[in-house]
C-alpha atoms as a PDB file:
ATOM      1  CA  UNK A   1       0.000   0.000   0.000  1.00  0.00           C
ATOM      2  CA  UNK A   2       2.870   2.321   0.761  1.00  0.00           C
ATOM      3  CA  UNK A   3       4.264   1.734  -2.700  1.00  0.00           C
ATOM      4  CA  UNK A   4       0.910   2.372  -4.351  1.00  0.00           C
ATOM      5  CA  UNK A   5       0.450   5.788  -2.738  1.00  0.00           C
ATOM      6  CA  UNK A   6       3.962   6.938  -3.629  1.00  0.00           C
ATOM      7  CA  UNK A   7       3.421   5.798  -7.213  1.00  0.00           C
ATOM      8  CA  UNK A   8       0.128   7.682  -7.353  1.00  0.00           C
ATOM      9  CA  UNK A   9       1.812  10.940  -6.423  1.00  0.00           C
ATOM     10  CA  UNK A  10       4.562  10.380  -8.979  1.00  0.00           C
ATOM     11  CA  UNK A  11       2.204   9.511 -11.800  1.00  0.00           C
ATOM     12  CA  UNK A  12      -0.276  12.303 -11.119  1.00  0.00           C
ATOM     13  CA  UNK A  13       2.531  14.797 -10.572  1.00  0.00           C
ATOM     14  CA  UNK A  14       4.109  14.001 -13.937  1.00  0.00           C
ATOM     15  CA  UNK A  15       0.807  14.040 -15.797  1.00  0.00           C
ATOM     16  CA  UNK A  16      -0.474  17.296 -14.378  1.00  0.00           C
ATOM     17  CA  UNK A  17       2.761  19.285 -14.148  1.00  0.00           C
ATOM     18  CA  UNK A  18       2.993  19.114 -17.948  1.00  0.00           C
ATOM     19  CA  UNK A  19      -0.113  21.319 -18.091  1.00  0.00           C
ATOM     20  CA  UNK A  20       0.936  23.868 -15.491  1.00  0.00           C
ATOM     21  CA  UNK A  21       2.557  26.370 -17.855  1.00  0.00           C
ATOM     22  CA  UNK A  22      -0.441  26.217 -20.209  1.00  0.00           C
ATOM     23  CA  UNK A  23      -3.012  26.984 -17.496  1.00  0.00           C
ATOM     24  CA  UNK A  24      -3.887  30.666 -17.861  1.00  0.00           C
ATOM     25  CA  UNK A  25      -7.030  30.796 -15.676  1.00  0.00           C
ATOM     26  CA  UNK A  26      -7.756  28.582 -12.657  1.00  0.00           C
ATOM     27  CA  UNK A  27     -10.920  29.667 -10.854  1.00  0.00           C
ATOM     28  CA  UNK A  28     -12.076  27.211  -8.153  1.00  0.00           C
ATOM     29  CA  UNK A  29     -15.137  29.388  -7.329  1.00  0.00           C
ATOM     30  CA  UNK A  30     -14.745  28.525  -3.636  1.00  0.00           C
ATOM     31  CA  UNK A  31     -16.448  30.712  -1.034  1.00  0.00           C
ATOM     32  CA  UNK A  32     -18.034  32.943  -3.696  1.00  0.00           C
ATOM     33  CA  UNK A  33     -14.602  34.010  -4.952  1.00  0.00           C
ATOM     34  CA  UNK A  34     -13.827  34.679  -8.616  1.00  0.00           C
ATOM     35  CA  UNK A  35     -10.079  34.768  -7.930  1.00  0.00           C
ATOM     36  CA  UNK A  36      -7.707  33.223 -10.462  1.00  0.00           C
ATOM     37  CA  UNK A  37      -5.264  31.034  -8.518  1.00  0.00           C
ATOM     38  CA  UNK A  38      -3.098  30.151 -11.536  1.00  0.00           C
ATOM     39  CA  UNK A  39      -0.669  32.933 -10.663  1.00  0.00           C
ATOM     40  CA  UNK A  40      -1.601  34.936 -13.768  1.00  0.00           C
ATOM     41  CA  UNK A  41      -3.916  37.302 -11.852  1.00  0.00           C
ATOM     42  CA  UNK A  42      -6.761  36.909 -14.336  1.00  0.00           C
ATOM     43  CA  UNK A  43      -9.364  37.442 -11.623  1.00  0.00           C
ATOM     44  CA  UNK A  44     -13.011  37.602 -12.571  1.00  0.00           C
ATOM     45  CA  UNK A  45     -15.336  40.503 -11.823  1.00  0.00           C
ATOM     46  CA  UNK A  46     -18.646  39.387 -10.306  1.00  0.00           C
ATOM     47  CA  UNK A  47     -21.971  41.012 -11.139  1.00  0.00           C
ATOM     48  CA  UNK A  48     -24.924  40.412  -8.791  1.00  0.00           C
ATOM     49  CA  UNK A  49     -24.597  38.199  -5.719  1.00  0.00           C
ATOM     50  CA  UNK A  50     -24.237  34.507  -6.547  1.00  0.00           C
ATOM     51  CA  UNK A  51     -24.962  31.840  -3.950  1.00  0.00           C
ATOM     52  CA  UNK A  52     -22.408  29.462  -2.448  1.00  0.00           C
ATOM     53  CA  UNK A  53     -23.327  25.760  -2.708  1.00  0.00           C
ATOM     54  CA  UNK A  54     -21.615  22.498  -1.867  1.00  0.00           C
ATOM     55  CA  UNK A  55     -19.294  21.240  -4.587  1.00  0.00           C
ATOM     56  CA  UNK A  56     -19.340  17.797  -6.208  1.00  0.00           C
ATOM     57  CA  UNK A  57     -17.470  16.295  -3.238  1.00  0.00           C
ATOM     58  CA  UNK A  58     -19.810  17.784  -0.633  1.00  0.00           C
ATOM     59  CA  UNK A  59     -17.448  20.549   0.468  1.00  0.00           C
ATOM     60  CA  UNK A  60     -19.412  23.452   1.891  1.00  0.00           C
ATOM     61  CA  UNK A  61     -19.316  26.620  -0.262  1.00  0.00           C
ATOM     62  CA  UNK A  62     -17.022  24.871  -2.739  1.00  0.00           C
ATOM     63  CA  UNK A  63     -19.037  25.860  -5.828  1.00  0.00           C
ATOM     64  CA  UNK A  64     -21.130  28.757  -7.096  1.00  0.00           C
ATOM     65  CA  UNK A  65     -24.813  28.952  -8.085  1.00  0.00           C
ATOM     66  CA  UNK A  66     -26.015  31.326 -10.813  1.00  0.00           C
ATOM     67  CA  UNK A  67     -29.729  32.124 -10.493  1.00  0.00           C
ATOM     68  CA  UNK A  68     -30.404  33.226 -14.082  1.00  0.00           C
ATOM     69  CA  UNK A  69     -31.232  36.769 -13.018  1.00  0.00           C
ATOM     70  CA  UNK A  70     -28.190  38.964 -13.595  1.00  0.00           C
ATOM     71  CA  UNK A  71     -25.513  36.663 -12.125  1.00  0.00           C
ATOM     72  CA  UNK A  72     -22.342  36.512 -14.205  1.00  0.00           C
ATOM     73  CA  UNK A  73     -18.556  36.837 -14.045  1.00  0.00           C
ATOM     74  CA  UNK A  74     -16.371  38.770 -16.498  1.00  0.00           C
ATOM     75  CA  UNK A  75     -12.729  37.814 -17.071  1.00  0.00           C
ATOM     76  CA  UNK A  76     -11.012  40.823 -18.694  1.00  0.00           C
ATOM     77  CA  UNK A  77      -9.003  40.228 -21.847  1.00  0.00           C
ATOM     78  CA  UNK A  78      -5.343  40.575 -20.821  1.00  0.00           C
ATOM     79  CA  UNK A  79      -1.895  39.764 -22.135  1.00  0.00           C
ATOM     80  CA  UNK A  80      -1.754  36.499 -20.179  1.00  0.00           C
ATOM     81  CA  UNK A  81      -5.353  35.468 -20.817  1.00  0.00           C
ATOM     82  CA  UNK A  82      -6.337  35.556 -24.460  1.00  0.00           C
ATOM     83  CA  UNK A  83      -8.501  32.863 -26.051  1.00  0.00           C
ATOM     84  CA  UNK A  84      -6.791  32.828 -29.430  1.00  0.00           C
ATOM     85  CA  UNK A  85      -6.411  30.166 -32.129  1.00  0.00           C
ATOM     86  CA  UNK A  86      -6.052  27.288 -29.642  1.00  0.00           C
ATOM     87  CA  UNK A  87      -7.574  26.812 -26.187  1.00  0.00           C
ATOM     88  CA  UNK A  88      -9.325  24.477 -23.738  1.00  0.00           C
ATOM     89  CA  UNK A  89     -12.206  25.271 -21.375  1.00  0.00           C
ATOM     90  CA  UNK A  90     -12.705  22.903 -18.429  1.00  0.00           C
ATOM     91  CA  UNK A  91     -15.347  23.117 -15.695  1.00  0.00           C
ATOM     92  CA  UNK A  92     -17.910  21.199 -13.659  1.00  0.00           C
ATOM     93  CA  UNK A  93     -21.583  21.960 -14.290  1.00  0.00           C
ATOM     94  CA  UNK A  94     -24.794  21.076 -12.472  1.00  0.00           C
ATOM     95  CA  UNK A  95     -27.917  21.947 -14.392  1.00  0.00           C
ATOM     96  CA  UNK A  96     -30.923  23.480 -12.606  1.00  0.00           C
ATOM     97  CA  UNK A  97     -34.507  23.826 -13.908  1.00  0.00           C
ATOM     98  CA  UNK A  98     -35.012  26.764 -16.272  1.00  0.00           C
ATOM     99  CA  UNK A  99     -37.211  27.464 -19.275  1.00  0.00           C
ATOM    100  CA  UNK A 100     -34.742  29.638 -21.165  1.00  0.00           C
ATOM    101  CA  UNK A 101     -31.652  28.997 -23.233  1.00  0.00           C
ATOM    102  CA  UNK A 102     -28.601  30.443 -21.512  1.00  0.00           C
ATOM    103  CA  UNK A 103     -24.895  30.976 -21.999  1.00  0.00           C
ATOM    104  CA  UNK A 104     -22.396  29.198 -19.796  1.00  0.00           C
ATOM    105  CA  UNK A 105     -19.532  31.143 -21.407  1.00  0.00           C
ATOM    106  CA  UNK A 106     -19.475  33.824 -24.063  1.00  0.00           C
ATOM    107  CA  UNK A 107     -17.173  36.153 -25.984  1.00  0.00           C
ATOM    108  CA  UNK A 108     -16.828  37.050 -29.637  1.00  0.00           C
ATOM    109  CA  UNK A 109     -15.035  33.738 -30.251  1.00  0.00           C
ATOM    110  CA  UNK A 110     -16.391  31.556 -27.418  1.00  0.00           C
ATOM    111  CA  UNK A 111     -20.002  30.412 -27.791  1.00  0.00           C
ATOM    112  CA  UNK A 112     -21.105  27.895 -25.155  1.00  0.00           C
ATOM    113  CA  UNK A 113     -24.871  27.651 -24.630  1.00  0.00           C
ATOM    114  CA  UNK A 114     -27.113  25.362 -22.569  1.00  0.00           C
ATOM    115  CA  UNK A 115     -30.650  24.838 -23.880  1.00  0.00           C
ATOM    116  CA  UNK A 116     -33.507  25.219 -21.410  1.00  0.00           C
ATOM    117  CA  UNK A 117     -36.316  22.874 -20.432  1.00  0.00           C
ATOM    118  CA  UNK A 118     -38.703  24.162 -23.131  1.00  0.00           C
ATOM    119  CA  UNK A 119     -36.244  23.949 -26.017  1.00  0.00           C
ATOM    120  CA  UNK A 120     -36.379  21.341 -28.771  1.00  0.00           C
ATOM    121  CA  UNK A 121     -33.450  19.613 -27.078  1.00  0.00           C
ATOM    122  CA  UNK A 122     -33.663  20.305 -23.328  1.00  0.00           C
ATOM    123  CA  UNK A 123     -30.299  20.089 -21.642  1.00  0.00           C
ATOM    124  CA  UNK A 124     -28.321  20.291 -24.870  1.00  0.00           C
ATOM    125  CA  UNK A 125     -24.918  21.931 -24.500  1.00  0.00           C
ATOM    126  CA  UNK A 126     -23.749  23.677 -27.677  1.00  0.00           C
ATOM    127  CA  UNK A 127     -20.137  24.743 -28.212  1.00  0.00           C
ATOM    128  CA  UNK A 128     -20.272  26.604 -31.541  1.00  0.00           C
ATOM    129  CA  UNK A 129     -21.262  23.802 -33.950  1.00  0.00           C
ATOM    130  CA  UNK A 130     -20.503  20.864 -31.630  1.00  0.00           C
ATOM    131  CA  UNK A 131     -23.134  19.393 -29.343  1.00  0.00           C
ATOM    132  CA  UNK A 132     -23.569  17.331 -26.174  1.00  0.00           C
ATOM    133  CA  UNK A 133     -27.110  16.204 -25.389  1.00  0.00           C
ATOM    134  CA  UNK A 134     -29.138  15.485 -22.261  1.00  0.00           C
ATOM    135  CA  UNK A 135     -27.170  17.206 -19.521  1.00  0.00           C
ATOM    136  CA  UNK A 136     -28.708  15.663 -16.378  1.00  0.00           C
ATOM    137  CA  UNK A 137     -30.682  17.739 -13.921  1.00  0.00           C
ATOM    138  CA  UNK A 138     -29.166  18.317 -10.457  1.00  0.00           C
ATOM    139  CA  UNK A 139     -26.113  16.183 -11.216  1.00  0.00           C
ATOM    140  CA  UNK A 140     -22.495  17.277 -11.559  1.00  0.00           C
ATOM    141  CA  UNK A 141     -20.888  16.622 -14.942  1.00  0.00           C
ATOM    142  CA  UNK A 142     -17.389  17.492 -16.121  1.00  0.00           C
ATOM    143  CA  UNK A 143     -17.263  19.481 -19.368  1.00  0.00           C
ATOM    144  CA  UNK A 144     -14.265  20.176 -21.595  1.00  0.00           C
ATOM    145  CA  UNK A 145     -14.337  22.186 -24.814  1.00  0.00           C
ATOM    146  CA  UNK A 146     -11.293  22.453 -27.063  1.00  0.00           C
ATOM    147  CA  UNK A 147     -10.694  24.621 -30.109  1.00  0.00           C
ATOM    148  CA  UNK A 148      -7.733  24.540 -32.474  1.00  0.00           C
ATOM    149  CA  UNK A 149      -7.540  26.552 -35.695  1.00  0.00           C
ATOM    150  CA  UNK A 150      -7.063  24.545 -38.898  1.00  0.00           C
ATOM    151  CA  UNK A 151      -8.003  21.433 -36.954  1.00  0.00           C
ATOM    152  CA  UNK A 152     -11.257  21.005 -35.007  1.00  0.00           C
ATOM    153  CA  UNK A 153     -13.498  21.883 -32.086  1.00  0.00           C
ATOM    154  CA  UNK A 154     -14.467  19.203 -29.571  1.00  0.00           C
ATOM    155  CA  UNK A 155     -16.804  18.852 -26.602  1.00  0.00           C
ATOM    156  CA  UNK A 156     -16.292  16.212 -23.895  1.00  0.00           C
ATOM    157  CA  UNK A 157     -18.586  15.044 -21.083  1.00  0.00           C
ATOM    158  CA  UNK A 158     -17.076  13.209 -18.122  1.00  0.00           C
ATOM    159  CA  UNK A 159     -13.936  12.423 -20.095  1.00  0.00           C
ATOM    160  CA  UNK A 160     -15.744  11.031 -23.143  1.00  0.00           C
ATOM    161  CA  UNK A 161     -15.875  12.720 -26.544  1.00  0.00           C
ATOM    162  CA  UNK A 162     -19.438  13.855 -27.283  1.00  0.00           C
ATOM    163  CA  UNK A 163     -18.875  15.615 -30.618  1.00  0.00           C
ATOM    164  CA  UNK A 164     -16.287  17.252 -32.846  1.00  0.00           C
ATOM    165  CA  UNK A 165     -16.347  19.422 -35.957  1.00  0.00           C
ATOM    166  CA  UNK A 166     -13.722  20.801 -38.353  1.00  0.00           C
ATOM    167  CA  UNK A 167     -12.448  24.317 -37.690  1.00  0.00           C
ATOM    168  CA  UNK A 168     -10.979  26.235 -40.591  1.00  0.00           C
ATOM    169  CA  UNK A 169     -11.725  29.853 -39.686  1.00  0.00           C
ATOM    170  CA  UNK A 170     -11.069  31.489 -36.358  1.00  0.00           C
ATOM    171  CA  UNK A 171     -11.907  34.876 -34.869  1.00  0.00           C
ATOM    172  CA  UNK A 172      -9.251  36.706 -32.907  1.00  0.00           C
ATOM    173  CA  UNK A 173     -10.342  37.637 -29.352  1.00  0.00           C
ATOM    174  CA  UNK A 174     -11.735  41.151 -29.180  1.00  0.00           C
ATOM    175  CA  UNK A 175     -13.734  41.154 -25.955  1.00  0.00           C
ATOM    176  CA  UNK A 176     -13.753  39.903 -22.377  1.00  0.00           C
ATOM    177  CA  UNK A 177     -14.939  36.395 -21.551  1.00  0.00           C
ATOM    178  CA  UNK A 178     -18.222  36.182 -19.629  1.00  0.00           C
ATOM    179  CA  UNK A 179     -19.157  33.222 -17.440  1.00  0.00           C
ATOM    180  CA  UNK A 180     -22.880  32.791 -16.861  1.00  0.00           C
ATOM    181  CA  UNK A 181     -24.384  35.136 -19.473  1.00  0.00           C
ATOM    182  CA  UNK A 182     -24.090  36.675 -22.933  1.00  0.00           C
ATOM    183  CA  UNK A 183     -22.557  40.035 -22.200  1.00  0.00           C
ATOM    184  CA  UNK A 184     -21.124  42.838 -24.321  1.00  0.00           C
ATOM    185  CA  UNK A 185     -20.827  46.613 -24.154  1.00  0.00           C
ATOM    186  CA  UNK A 186     -24.362  46.961 -25.530  1.00  0.00           C
ATOM    187  CA  UNK A 187     -26.221  43.888 -24.243  1.00  0.00           C
ATOM    188  CA  UNK A 188     -26.480  41.565 -21.239  1.00  0.00           C
ATOM    189  CA  UNK A 189     -28.881  38.647 -21.150  1.00  0.00           C
ATOM    190  CA  UNK A 190     -29.387  34.905 -21.608  1.00  0.00           C
ATOM    191  CA  UNK A 191     -28.171  34.325 -18.042  1.00  0.00           C
ATOM    192  CA  UNK A 192     -27.278  30.819 -16.916  1.00  0.00           C
ATOM    193  CA  UNK A 193     -29.242  28.979 -14.211  1.00  0.00           C
ATOM    194  CA  UNK A 194     -27.227  26.321 -12.431  1.00  0.00           C
ATOM    195  CA  UNK A 195     -24.024  25.565 -10.574  1.00  0.00           C
ATOM    196  CA  UNK A 196     -20.403  25.836 -11.723  1.00  0.00           C
ATOM    197  CA  UNK A 197     -17.155  24.701 -10.163  1.00  0.00           C
ATOM    198  CA  UNK A 198     -13.423  24.605 -10.960  1.00  0.00           C
ATOM    199  CA  UNK A 199     -13.283  26.696 -14.130  1.00  0.00           C
ATOM    200  CA  UNK A 200      -9.964  26.265 -15.924  1.00  0.00           C
ATOM    201  CA  UNK A 201      -8.724  27.750 -19.200  1.00  0.00           C
ATOM    202  CA  UNK A 202      -5.643  26.480 -21.027  1.00  0.00           C
ATOM    203  CA  UNK A 203      -3.902  28.213 -23.920  1.00  0.00           C
ATOM    204  CA  UNK A 204      -3.786  25.061 -26.015  1.00  0.00           C
ATOM    205  CA  UNK A 205      -6.061  22.174 -26.948  1.00  0.00           C
ATOM    206  CA  UNK A 206      -5.505  19.401 -24.415  1.00  0.00           C
ATOM    207  CA  UNK A 207      -5.106  15.790 -25.485  1.00  0.00           C
ATOM    208  CA  UNK A 208      -7.601  13.018 -24.790  1.00  0.00           C
ATOM    209  CA  UNK A 209      -5.521  11.628 -21.932  1.00  0.00           C
ATOM    210  CA  UNK A 210      -5.164  15.085 -20.341  1.00  0.00           C
ATOM    211  CA  UNK A 211      -8.916  15.654 -20.581  1.00  0.00           C
ATOM    212  CA  UNK A 212      -9.583  12.307 -18.953  1.00  0.00           C
ATOM    213  CA  UNK A 213      -7.147  13.186 -16.165  1.00  0.00           C
ATOM    214  CA  UNK A 214      -9.122  16.375 -15.473  1.00  0.00           C
ATOM    215  CA  UNK A 215     -12.326  14.325 -15.355  1.00  0.00           C
ATOM    216  CA  UNK A 216     -10.735  11.920 -12.860  1.00  0.00           C
ATOM    217  CA  UNK A 217     -10.468   9.017 -15.314  1.00  0.00           C
ATOM    218  CA  UNK A 218      -7.620   6.737 -16.367  1.00  0.00           C
ATOM    219  CA  UNK A 219      -5.477   7.445 -13.318  1.00  0.00           C
ATOM    220  CA  UNK A 220      -4.629   3.764 -12.970  1.00  0.00           C
ATOM    221  CA  UNK A 221      -1.915   2.965 -10.461  1.00  0.00           C
ATOM    222  CA  UNK A 222      -1.031  -0.301  -8.764  1.00  0.00           C
ATOM    223  CA  UNK A 223      -4.157  -2.001 -10.088  1.00  0.00           C
ATOM    224  CA  UNK A 224      -6.525   0.671  -8.705  1.00  0.00           C
ATOM    225  CA  UNK A 225      -8.389   3.428 -10.531  1.00  0.00           C
ATOM    226  CA  UNK A 226      -8.361   6.738  -8.659  1.00  0.00           C
ATOM    227  CA  UNK A 227     -11.549   8.695  -9.258  1.00  0.00           C
ATOM    228  CA  UNK A 228     -12.742  11.224  -6.685  1.00  0.00           C
ATOM    229  CA  UNK A 229     -10.564  12.319  -3.753  1.00  0.00           C
ATOM    230  CA  UNK A 230     -11.054  15.895  -2.570  1.00  0.00           C
ATOM    231  CA  UNK A 231      -8.316  17.476  -0.519  1.00  0.00           C
ATOM    232  CA  UNK A 232      -4.881  16.862   0.815  1.00  0.00           C
ATOM    233  CA  UNK A 233      -3.008  19.207   3.094  1.00  0.00           C
ATOM    234  CA  UNK A 234       0.721  19.595   2.610  1.00  0.00           C
ATOM    235  CA  UNK A 235       2.835  21.464   5.141  1.00  0.00           C
ATOM    236  CA  UNK A 236       5.997  22.631   3.391  1.00  0.00           C
ATOM    237  CA  UNK A 237       8.517  24.886   5.137  1.00  0.00           C
ATOM    238  CA  UNK A 238       5.799  25.600   7.728  1.00  0.00           C
ATOM    239  CA  UNK A 239       3.454  26.993   5.046  1.00  0.00           C
ATOM    240  CA  UNK A 240       0.241  25.051   4.529  1.00  0.00           C
ATOM    241  CA  UNK A 241      -1.474  24.970   1.146  1.00  0.00           C
ATOM    242  CA  UNK A 242      -4.785  23.424   0.148  1.00  0.00           C
ATOM    243  CA  UNK A 243      -4.023  20.911  -2.543  1.00  0.00           C
ATOM    244  CA  UNK A 244      -6.743  19.551  -4.817  1.00  0.00           C
ATOM    245  CA  UNK A 245      -6.410  15.975  -6.067  1.00  0.00           C
ATOM    246  CA  UNK A 246      -8.972  13.621  -7.511  1.00  0.00           C
ATOM    247  CA  UNK A 247      -8.769  10.035  -6.325  1.00  0.00           C
ATOM    248  CA  UNK A 248     -10.782   7.650  -4.215  1.00  0.00           C
ATOM    249  CA  UNK A 249      -7.981   7.437  -1.637  1.00  0.00           C
ATOM    250  CA  UNK A 250      -8.191   8.667   1.972  1.00  0.00           C
ATOM    251  CA  UNK A 251      -7.300  12.227   2.898  1.00  0.00           C
ATOM    252  CA  UNK A 252      -3.538  12.733   3.042  1.00  0.00           C
ATOM    253  CA  UNK A 253      -2.085  14.758   5.883  1.00  0.00           C
ATOM    254  CA  UNK A 254       1.426  16.170   5.585  1.00  0.00           C
ATOM    255  CA  UNK A 255       3.920  16.767   8.361  1.00  0.00           C
ATOM    256  CA  UNK A 256       6.746  19.211   7.703  1.00  0.00           C
ATOM    257  CA  UNK A 257      10.167  17.654   8.220  1.00  0.00           C
ATOM    258  CA  UNK A 258      12.343  20.400   6.708  1.00  0.00           C
ATOM    259  CA  UNK A 259      12.908  21.555   3.147  1.00  0.00           C
ATOM    260  CA  UNK A 260      14.308  18.300   1.768  1.00  0.00           C
ATOM    261  CA  UNK A 261      12.118  15.621   3.325  1.00  0.00           C
ATOM    262  CA  UNK A 262       8.407  15.308   4.013  1.00  0.00           C
ATOM    263  CA  UNK A 263       6.548  12.599   5.883  1.00  0.00           C
ATOM    264  CA  UNK A 264       3.073  11.897   4.527  1.00  0.00           C
ATOM    265  CA  UNK A 265       0.606  10.124   6.772  1.00  0.00           C
ATOM    266  CA  UNK A 266      -2.021   8.086   4.971  1.00  0.00           C
ATOM    267  CA  UNK A 267      -4.908   7.415   7.326  1.00  0.00           C
ATOM    268  CA  UNK A 268      -7.515   4.796   6.484  1.00  0.00           C
ATOM    269  CA  UNK A 269      -9.710   3.707   9.341  1.00  0.00           C
ATOM    270  CA  UNK A 270      -7.424   2.600  12.200  1.00  0.00           C
ATOM    271  CA  UNK A 271      -4.460   2.117   9.883  1.00  0.00           C
ATOM    272  CA  UNK A 272      -1.756   4.770   9.513  1.00  0.00           C
ATOM    273  CA  UNK A 273       1.050   4.475   6.968  1.00  0.00           C
ATOM    274  CA  UNK A 274       3.925   6.924   6.806  1.00  0.00           C
ATOM    275  CA  UNK A 275       5.701   7.723   3.544  1.00  0.00           C
ATOM    276  CA  UNK A 276       8.965   9.619   3.404  1.00  0.00           C
ATOM    277  CA  UNK A 277       9.247  11.846   0.310  1.00  0.00           C
ATOM    278  CA  UNK A 278      12.439  13.443  -0.958  1.00  0.00           C
ATOM    279  CA  UNK A 279      12.646  16.946  -2.443  1.00  0.00           C
ATOM    280  CA  UNK A 280      11.908  15.862  -6.021  1.00  0.00           C
ATOM    281  CA  UNK A 281       8.785  13.967  -5.044  1.00  0.00           C
ATOM    282  CA  UNK A 282       7.640  16.852  -2.866  1.00  0.00           C
ATOM    283  CA  UNK A 283       7.889  19.232  -5.825  1.00  0.00           C
ATOM    284  CA  UNK A 284       5.923  16.883  -8.044  1.00  0.00           C
ATOM    285  CA  UNK A 285       3.218  16.724  -5.421  1.00  0.00           C
ATOM    286  CA  UNK A 286       3.105  20.497  -5.162  1.00  0.00           C
ATOM    287  CA  UNK A 287       2.814  20.748  -8.952  1.00  0.00           C
ATOM    288  CA  UNK A 288      -0.601  19.105  -8.633  1.00  0.00           C
ATOM    289  CA  UNK A 289      -1.918  22.459  -7.448  1.00  0.00           C
ATOM    290  CA  UNK A 290      -1.533  23.720 -11.020  1.00  0.00           C
ATOM    291  CA  UNK A 291      -3.482  21.005 -12.772  1.00  0.00           C
END
């Protein structure tokens, strides 16, 4: 068991650290915050008071509810965040009852709409000319949309490809990105009703394996498949940091043992296993924060 846990950290660290430099917006939406924690300072600006709700793992105030009546977030177009000829949108969505069609995300070159209950296709998610049907009501689903000029657009649901279409022409970004509505300098409307969590934007189109990692799939280590863990706490140089992982393992608790060595306690029921990690393994674990 000790070997399995160490291998999990190594494998996940290597897989996710490859994406760290490409992550331009990382917005957990915890505690009603629209802060970007990627380090790029692409914080969102909130309009109207959203409501905090439990996230997909039951963590209190870990996600944000949009009520369809003026709630939305604007991410300003900046030098570090610019949805150009290649990008990936990743987020968790929980649909709520509504009669109207609404935009989950919108800009002049991002068109992501969820059809309402009275539409021809209730619960259909439309990313430009790609489609995913029958988004479930009151159930968290993981959504990824990719776009790459001179290649294709794709839409993924829970790590599985729902649709793709060729992309030959591409509009350069000219306006801010809005989450939860269709918003411009002259119009605001088509507000989204539902819950969102863990919004991430990458400046390239992620691969199938990377998308499945984000959805918590295909993280196979030591004969086990790790799906939904929530939090681990690492204490490094006496500074604690909330670290998000996704696996069905117990909560990991870290004990600081100096800059070069860390002892990780894995607690499962009455059993406690200690793992000693060297500096390289510690860094790989910390890189998980940037997935």
